[in-house]
Amino acid sequence: MSLASFCVLTVSMLLIGFTFLFLINLNMMIGDVEAQNEVIVFLDDNLSDTQTELIGQEIIAVGNVSSVVFYSKEQGFEDIKSRIPNSAELFEYIGDDSPLPDSYRVKIADLDEISTALMAINRIEGISQVQAPTDFIGILTSLRSAFTVIAGAVLAALLIVCIIVISNTARASVDTRRREITIMKLVGATNEFIRIPFFIEGLSMGILSGAFSAALSYITYNMIDNLLTNSDTTLFTALGIGGLIPPGTLALPYIAATIGGGALISAIVTGFSTHKYLKV
């Protein structure tokens, strides 16, 4: 029964651990995509350098703005030239003067409040147009909200199922020693005296199971991270995502949480499983 308890607890902690790792990485990827969304603020023509700089300061003062980068019309013109190969004749007709306006590239800190920031930016004098991927941002914010609800529901459901399975296994383990508990109770042992050995056994089993599942999860996660990092996969690059969260960043918190969670769940469930056998 001890071996069965160890296996059940290990599998339960693996399920919760892998689900948690998947969810936090998915949440980070959505955040990375959100962080790359830029609002382009086009400026009026014939503004002085002082006026242009003041507009940048006013954009920062709007609030909910994480960064403001000036993008000159000359730089924009050169970027267009570099992206269109074999087009020298076309640009000869245009000349060296850039037909583009100066602009600011603005990143919004909280995309849920982007509409408020855009309205405040549009009220600044000297701005001719503001372009923002509002439709895409709306999809991302809705996706993040839905993901948060689903993630919470999945983790809660897994935790409940694991507690029920562990509880049944612990009760079966305690049931095999009900005669021993009855005898101890009849000779005058207190409830605490009977519960403490089972509590310590459950605590020890939880620590061992948590450590084993944490080690297995870390090895598997590290292998997946190396596979995605060292391969020629371009999915992360195409989406502008840096990849998975580094294993070293997650190692200590994850191992501590897994061992602590396993020990706590196993000890508490095992302790409560002895309750009905103490009524002699």
Protein backbone atom coordinates (compact mmCIF):
# COMPACT_ATOMS: atom_id res chain seq x y z
CA MET A 1 0.00 0.00 0.00
CA SER A 2 2.89 2.34 0.65
CA LEU A 3 4.20 1.66 -2.85
CA ALA A 4 0.72 2.25 -4.26
CA SER A 5 0.45 5.53 -2.37
CA PHE A 6 3.85 6.61 -3.67
CA CYS A 7 2.92 5.82 -7.29
CA VAL A 8 -0.49 7.51 -7.09
CA LEU A 9 0.92 10.63 -5.48
CA THR A 10 3.80 10.79 -7.99
CA VAL A 11 1.46 10.52 -10.98
CA SER A 12 -0.87 13.12 -9.47
CA MET A 13 1.95 15.60 -8.91
CA LEU A 14 3.25 14.95 -12.44
CA LEU A 15 -0.17 15.76 -13.91
CA ILE A 16 -0.45 18.99 -11.96
CA GLY A 17 3.20 19.92 -12.62
CA PHE A 18 3.11 19.37 -16.39
CA THR A 19 -0.18 21.24 -16.66
CA PHE A 20 1.24 24.14 -14.68
CA LEU A 21 4.40 24.29 -16.82
CA PHE A 22 2.34 24.25 -20.00
CA LEU A 23 0.02 27.00 -18.76
CA ILE A 24 2.70 29.41 -17.57
CA ASN A 25 4.64 29.01 -20.83
CA LEU A 26 1.51 29.59 -22.90
CA ASN A 27 0.72 32.66 -20.82
CA MET A 28 4.27 33.98 -21.35
CA MET A 29 3.99 33.45 -25.12
CA ILE A 30 0.74 35.41 -25.26
CA GLY A 31 2.42 38.16 -23.26
CA ASP A 32 5.36 38.23 -25.68
CA VAL A 33 3.04 38.64 -28.64
CA GLU A 34 1.16 41.41 -26.84
CA ALA A 35 4.41 43.23 -26.04
CA GLN A 36 5.29 43.49 -29.72
CA ASN A 37 2.18 45.42 -30.68
CA GLU A 38 3.06 49.01 -31.50
CA VAL A 39 0.95 52.10 -31.95
CA ILE A 40 2.28 54.30 -34.77
CA VAL A 41 1.77 58.03 -34.15
CA PHE A 42 2.29 60.10 -37.32
CA LEU A 43 3.23 63.76 -36.87
CA ASP A 44 2.23 66.79 -38.86
CA ASP A 45 4.66 68.13 -41.44
CA ASN A 46 6.87 71.16 -40.83
CA LEU A 47 7.16 70.67 -37.07
CA SER A 48 10.30 71.97 -35.43
CA ASP A 49 12.61 69.71 -33.48
CA THR A 50 11.41 71.34 -30.26
CA GLN A 51 7.76 70.71 -31.10
CA THR A 52 8.51 67.11 -32.05
CA GLU A 53 10.31 66.53 -28.76
CA LEU A 54 7.44 68.09 -26.79
CA ILE A 55 4.96 65.78 -28.48
CA GLY A 56 7.06 62.79 -27.40
CA GLN A 57 7.02 64.05 -23.81
CA GLU A 58 3.24 64.53 -23.94
CA ILE A 59 2.79 60.96 -25.20
CA ILE A 60 4.82 59.65 -22.26
CA ALA A 61 2.76 61.78 -19.88
CA VAL A 62 -0.45 60.15 -21.12
CA GLY A 63 0.19 57.14 -18.89
CA ASN A 64 -0.10 53.42 -19.65
CA VAL A 65 2.83 53.88 -22.07
CA SER A 66 5.84 51.60 -21.66
CA SER A 67 8.09 53.09 -24.37
CA VAL A 68 8.16 55.90 -26.93
CA VAL A 69 10.69 55.75 -29.80
CA PHE A 70 11.09 58.49 -32.42
CA TYR A 71 11.10 57.21 -36.00
CA SER A 72 12.29 59.85 -38.46
CA LYS A 73 10.97 60.06 -42.00
CA GLU A 74 14.50 59.57 -43.35
CA GLN A 75 14.88 56.35 -41.38
CA GLY A 76 11.50 55.13 -42.58
CA PHE A 77 12.39 55.89 -46.18
CA GLU A 78 15.67 53.98 -45.92
CA ASP A 79 13.89 50.99 -44.36
CA ILE A 80 11.44 50.89 -47.27
CA LYS A 81 14.32 50.97 -49.75
CA SER A 82 16.05 48.10 -48.02
CA ARG A 83 12.89 45.99 -48.06
CA ILE A 84 12.31 46.43 -51.81
CA PRO A 85 15.24 44.94 -53.77
CA ASN A 86 16.05 45.91 -57.36
CA SER A 87 13.98 49.06 -57.21
CA ALA A 88 16.66 51.70 -57.79
CA GLU A 89 14.86 53.10 -60.83
CA LEU A 90 11.64 53.55 -58.87
CA PHE A 91 13.33 55.54 -56.14
CA GLU A 92 15.19 57.69 -58.70
CA TYR A 93 11.86 59.24 -59.67
CA ILE A 94 11.01 59.90 -56.03
CA GLY A 95 14.36 61.46 -55.26
CA ASP A 96 16.27 61.56 -52.00
CA ASP A 97 13.65 63.50 -50.05
CA SER A 98 11.48 61.22 -47.95
CA PRO A 99 7.73 61.49 -48.68
CA LEU A 100 6.94 59.93 -45.31
CA PRO A 101 6.06 61.85 -42.14
CA ASP A 102 7.99 61.68 -38.88
CA SER A 103 6.43 59.36 -36.34
CA TYR A 104 6.64 57.88 -32.88
CA ARG A 105 6.42 54.18 -32.15
CA VAL A 106 4.56 53.73 -28.90
CA LYS A 107 4.14 50.57 -26.85
CA ILE A 108 1.18 50.33 -24.49
CA ALA A 109 1.76 48.78 -21.08
CA ASP A 110 -1.76 47.50 -20.38
CA LEU A 111 -3.58 46.54 -23.57
CA ASP A 112 -6.88 46.30 -21.71
CA GLU A 113 -6.78 50.11 -21.34
CA ILE A 114 -5.47 50.90 -24.82
CA SER A 115 -8.63 52.77 -25.90
CA THR A 116 -8.17 55.33 -23.12
CA ALA A 117 -4.52 55.87 -24.10
CA LEU A 118 -5.39 56.24 -27.80
CA MET A 119 -8.03 58.86 -27.08
CA ALA A 120 -5.56 60.86 -24.98
CA ILE A 121 -2.87 60.63 -27.70
CA ASN A 122 -5.30 61.75 -30.41
CA ARG A 123 -5.98 64.95 -28.46
CA ILE A 124 -2.32 66.04 -28.61
CA GLU A 125 -1.72 68.88 -31.06
CA GLY A 126 0.69 68.18 -33.91
CA ILE A 127 -0.44 64.58 -34.46
CA SER A 128 -1.97 63.83 -37.85
CA GLN A 129 -2.89 60.17 -37.47
CA VAL A 130 -2.69 57.28 -35.01
CA GLN A 131 -2.56 53.69 -36.24
CA ALA A 132 -3.14 50.83 -33.81
CA PRO A 133 -3.91 47.13 -34.40
CA THR A 134 -7.07 47.37 -32.31
CA ASP A 135 -8.72 44.27 -33.80
CA PHE A 136 -5.71 42.09 -33.14
CA ILE A 137 -5.28 43.53 -29.65
CA GLY A 138 -8.95 42.82 -28.94
CA ILE A 139 -8.46 39.19 -29.96
CA LEU A 140 -5.36 38.90 -27.75
CA THR A 141 -7.02 40.40 -24.68
CA SER A 142 -10.06 38.16 -25.13
CA LEU A 143 -7.79 35.16 -25.60
CA ARG A 144 -5.84 36.01 -22.47
CA SER A 145 -9.03 36.40 -20.40
CA ALA A 146 -10.44 33.11 -21.68
CA PHE A 147 -7.09 31.41 -21.10
CA THR A 148 -6.96 32.64 -17.49
CA VAL A 149 -10.42 31.22 -16.76
CA ILE A 150 -9.68 27.91 -18.48
CA ALA A 151 -6.29 27.58 -16.79
CA GLY A 152 -7.79 28.17 -13.36
CA ALA A 153 -10.58 25.66 -14.02
CA VAL A 154 -8.17 22.99 -15.30
CA LEU A 155 -5.79 23.35 -12.37
CA ALA A 156 -8.66 23.34 -9.86
CA ALA A 157 -10.20 20.23 -11.45
CA LEU A 158 -6.85 18.42 -11.50
CA LEU A 159 -6.20 19.34 -7.89
CA ILE A 160 -9.63 18.07 -6.78
CA VAL A 161 -9.24 14.82 -8.71
CA CYS A 162 -5.74 14.27 -7.31
CA ILE A 163 -6.90 14.93 -3.74
CA ILE A 164 -9.76 12.43 -4.15
CA VAL A 165 -7.48 9.75 -5.61
CA ILE A 166 -4.81 10.32 -2.98
CA SER A 167 -7.45 10.31 -0.25
CA ASN A 168 -8.84 6.96 -1.38
CA THR A 169 -5.36 5.46 -1.56
CA ALA A 170 -4.48 6.81 1.88
CA ARG A 171 -7.70 5.47 3.36
CA ALA A 172 -6.99 2.05 1.87
CA SER A 173 -3.52 2.18 3.40
CA VAL A 174 -4.89 3.14 6.81
CA ASP A 175 -7.67 0.52 6.51
CA THR A 176 -5.08 -2.26 6.37
CA ARG A 177 -3.99 -1.21 9.88
CA ARG A 178 -7.39 -0.60 11.44
CA ARG A 179 -6.91 -3.49 13.89
CA GLU A 180 -3.66 -1.95 15.06
CA ILE A 181 -5.41 1.42 15.54
CA THR A 182 -8.27 -0.24 17.45
CA ILE A 183 -5.89 -2.00 19.82
CA MET A 184 -3.93 1.21 20.47
CA LYS A 185 -7.18 3.03 21.16
CA LEU A 186 -8.38 0.33 23.60
CA VAL A 187 -5.18 0.45 25.64
CA GLY A 188 -5.57 4.19 26.15
CA ALA A 189 -3.63 5.85 23.31
CA THR A 190 -4.78 9.39 22.52
CA ASN A 191 -6.02 10.41 19.10
CA GLU A 192 -2.96 12.61 18.56
CA PHE A 193 -0.62 9.76 19.51
CA ILE A 194 -2.25 7.54 16.87
CA ARG A 195 -2.43 10.21 14.20
CA ILE A 196 1.18 11.44 14.45
CA PRO A 197 2.83 8.31 12.93
CA PHE A 198 0.39 8.34 10.01
CA PHE A 199 0.93 12.08 9.57
CA ILE A 200 4.72 11.60 9.51
CA GLU A 201 4.38 8.68 7.10
CA GLY A 202 2.18 10.74 4.80
CA LEU A 203 4.57 13.69 5.05
CA SER A 204 7.57 11.51 4.18
CA MET A 205 5.71 9.85 1.31
CA GLY A 206 4.70 13.26 -0.01
CA ILE A 207 8.28 14.56 0.13
CA LEU A 208 9.63 11.50 -1.72
CA SER A 209 6.87 11.61 -4.33
CA GLY A 210 7.25 15.35 -4.80
CA ALA A 211 11.02 15.09 -5.19
CA PHE A 212 10.72 12.22 -7.69
CA SER A 213 8.03 13.95 -9.77
CA ALA A 214 9.94 17.26 -9.66
CA ALA A 215 13.13 15.56 -10.90
CA LEU A 216 11.25 13.74 -13.68
CA SER A 217 9.42 16.93 -14.71
CA TYR A 218 12.64 18.95 -14.77
CA ILE A 219 14.48 16.36 -16.89
CA THR A 220 11.59 16.16 -19.36
CA TYR A 221 11.16 19.93 -19.52
CA ASN A 222 14.89 20.43 -20.05
CA MET A 223 14.88 17.89 -22.91
CA ILE A 224 11.94 19.65 -24.60
CA ASP A 225 13.62 23.04 -24.17
CA ASN A 226 16.88 21.75 -25.69
CA LEU A 227 15.00 20.16 -28.58
CA LEU A 228 13.15 23.38 -29.43
CA THR A 229 16.21 25.57 -28.90
CA ASN A 230 18.69 23.52 -30.91
CA SER A 231 16.38 22.60 -33.80
CA ASP A 232 15.70 24.65 -36.88
CA THR A 233 12.18 25.42 -35.68
CA THR A 234 11.11 28.84 -36.91
CA LEU A 235 7.73 28.97 -35.17
CA PHE A 236 8.97 30.96 -32.19
CA THR A 237 10.96 33.27 -34.48
CA ALA A 238 7.99 33.86 -36.76
CA LEU A 239 5.76 34.73 -33.82
CA GLY A 240 8.45 36.85 -32.19
CA ILE A 241 8.56 34.61 -29.13
CA GLY A 242 11.78 33.95 -27.28
CA GLY A 243 10.95 30.30 -26.56
CA LEU A 244 10.16 28.46 -23.37
CA ILE A 245 10.94 29.81 -19.94
CA PRO A 246 14.54 28.72 -19.15
CA PRO A 247 14.63 25.58 -16.96
CA GLY A 248 17.12 27.23 -14.59
CA THR A 249 14.65 30.01 -13.86
CA LEU A 250 11.92 27.54 -12.89
CA ALA A 251 14.06 24.92 -11.16
CA LEU A 252 14.11 26.04 -7.52
CA PRO A 253 10.54 27.47 -7.30
CA TYR A 254 9.08 24.47 -9.12
CA ILE A 255 10.96 21.87 -7.07
CA ALA A 256 10.07 23.63 -3.80
CA ALA A 257 6.40 23.94 -4.79
CA THR A 258 6.18 20.30 -5.94
CA ILE A 259 7.83 18.86 -2.82
CA GLY A 260 5.93 21.18 -0.51
CA GLY A 261 2.60 20.55 -2.23
CA GLY A 262 3.06 16.80 -2.26
CA ALA A 263 4.08 16.70 1.39
CA LEU A 264 1.20 18.95 2.47
CA ILE A 265 -1.51 17.12 0.53
CA SER A 266 -0.31 13.66 1.52
CA ALA A 267 0.14 14.54 5.21
CA ILE A 268 -3.25 16.23 5.57
CA VAL A 269 -5.18 13.57 3.65
CA THR A 270 -3.49 10.74 5.55
CA GLY A 271 -4.18 12.47 8.86
CA PHE A 272 -7.88 12.87 8.07
CA SER A 273 -8.11 9.28 6.83
CA THR A 274 -7.53 7.97 10.37
CA HIS A 275 -10.50 9.93 11.76
CA LYS A 276 -13.18 7.25 11.40
CA TYR A 277 -10.96 4.58 12.99
CA LEU A 278 -10.46 6.63 16.14
CA LYS A 279 -14.11 6.19 17.18
CA VAL A 280 -13.85 3.01 19.22
